[in-house]
Amino acid sequence: MTPETVVDIGEYAMRTVVLVAGPMLLAGMIVGLVISIFQAATQINEMTMTFVPKILAVFVVLIVTLPWSIQQLTSFTEAMFARIANM
């Protein structure tokens, strides 16, 4: 196994991680930003007001993107098994 192969596998793995986790993290960040702006405008400091909507947004995005995420992870796994078979 050459260093180029290791770097290529690492790059492919990191790209897959970002693609799968990115939508959920982005949804949580956007909902958190909107709620923070609302809290700053109204001066309401309630911790559950930030936690519950972010969790709900992440779960909704998870459910919506689950088929695509599974397809991405499956193609990554198949590519890794193909690389193992070629070595």
Protein backbone atom coordinates (compact mmCIF):
# COMPACT_ATOMS: atom_id res chain seq x y z
CA MET A 1 0.00 0.00 0.00
CA THR A 2 1.56 3.25 -1.14
CA PRO A 3 1.25 6.59 0.66
CA GLU A 4 -0.78 7.91 -2.28
CA THR A 5 -3.32 5.15 -1.78
CA VAL A 6 -3.62 5.91 1.92
CA VAL A 7 -4.11 9.62 1.21
CA ASP A 8 -6.70 8.81 -1.46
CA ILE A 9 -8.65 6.55 0.90
CA GLY A 10 -8.47 9.16 3.66
CA GLU A 11 -9.68 11.89 1.31
CA TYR A 12 -12.57 9.71 0.12
CA ALA A 13 -13.50 8.87 3.72
CA MET A 14 -13.43 12.51 4.84
CA ARG A 15 -15.50 13.57 1.81
CA THR A 16 -18.07 10.91 2.65
CA VAL A 17 -18.21 12.00 6.29
CA VAL A 18 -18.74 15.64 5.32
CA LEU A 19 -21.42 14.75 2.78
CA VAL A 20 -23.34 12.54 5.20
CA ALA A 21 -23.06 14.70 8.33
CA GLY A 22 -23.12 18.09 6.61
CA PRO A 23 -26.88 18.52 6.09
CA MET A 24 -27.66 17.71 9.72
CA LEU A 25 -24.95 20.01 11.05
CA LEU A 26 -26.04 22.80 8.71
CA ALA A 27 -29.68 22.47 9.80
CA GLY A 28 -28.69 22.61 13.48
CA MET A 29 -26.50 25.63 12.86
CA ILE A 30 -29.19 27.55 10.96
CA VAL A 31 -31.90 26.79 13.53
CA GLY A 32 -29.52 27.74 16.36
CA LEU A 33 -28.66 31.02 14.66
CA VAL A 34 -32.31 31.91 14.10
CA ILE A 35 -33.21 31.10 17.70
CA SER A 36 -30.20 33.04 19.01
CA ILE A 37 -31.28 36.10 17.05
CA PHE A 38 -34.81 35.70 18.39
CA GLN A 39 -33.51 35.36 21.96
CA ALA A 40 -31.29 38.41 21.57
CA ALA A 41 -34.20 40.44 20.25
CA THR A 42 -36.63 39.38 23.00
CA GLN A 43 -34.08 38.91 25.81
CA ILE A 44 -35.46 35.47 26.62
CA ASN A 45 -32.76 33.13 27.97
CA GLU A 46 -34.31 29.68 28.07
CA MET A 47 -31.99 26.74 27.37
CA THR A 48 -34.75 24.39 26.22
CA MET A 49 -35.79 26.97 23.67
CA THR A 50 -32.50 26.43 21.84
CA PHE A 51 -32.05 22.71 22.47
CA VAL A 52 -35.42 21.26 21.47
CA PRO A 53 -35.81 22.99 18.06
CA LYS A 54 -32.24 22.11 17.07
CA ILE A 55 -32.78 18.45 17.94
CA LEU A 56 -36.06 18.42 16.04
CA ALA A 57 -34.46 20.06 12.99
CA VAL A 58 -31.59 17.56 13.00
CA PHE A 59 -34.02 14.62 13.25
CA VAL A 60 -36.18 15.97 10.42
CA VAL A 61 -33.14 16.44 8.18
CA LEU A 62 -31.89 12.98 9.18
CA ILE A 63 -35.19 11.39 8.16
CA VAL A 64 -35.34 13.33 4.89
CA THR A 65 -31.73 12.62 3.87
CA LEU A 66 -31.53 9.06 5.22
CA PRO A 67 -31.96 7.26 1.85
CA TRP A 68 -29.29 9.44 0.25
CA SER A 69 -26.96 9.02 3.23
CA ILE A 70 -27.34 5.26 3.15
CA GLN A 71 -26.56 5.28 -0.58
CA GLN A 72 -23.41 7.36 0.03
CA LEU A 73 -22.22 5.07 2.82
CA THR A 74 -23.01 1.96 0.77
CA SER A 75 -21.06 3.22 -2.23
CA PHE A 76 -18.12 4.09 0.06
CA THR A 77 -18.18 0.61 1.58
CA GLU A 78 -18.39 -1.06 -1.83
CA ALA A 79 -15.45 1.03 -3.07
CA MET A 80 -13.38 0.04 -0.03
CA PHE A 81 -14.18 -3.66 -0.51
CA ALA A 82 -13.23 -3.34 -4.19
CA ARG A 83 -9.89 -1.77 -3.18
CA ILE A 84 -9.27 -4.58 -0.69
CA ALA A 85 -10.00 -7.17 -3.37
CA ASN A 86 -7.55 -5.49 -5.77
CA MET A 87 -4.67 -5.49 -3.27
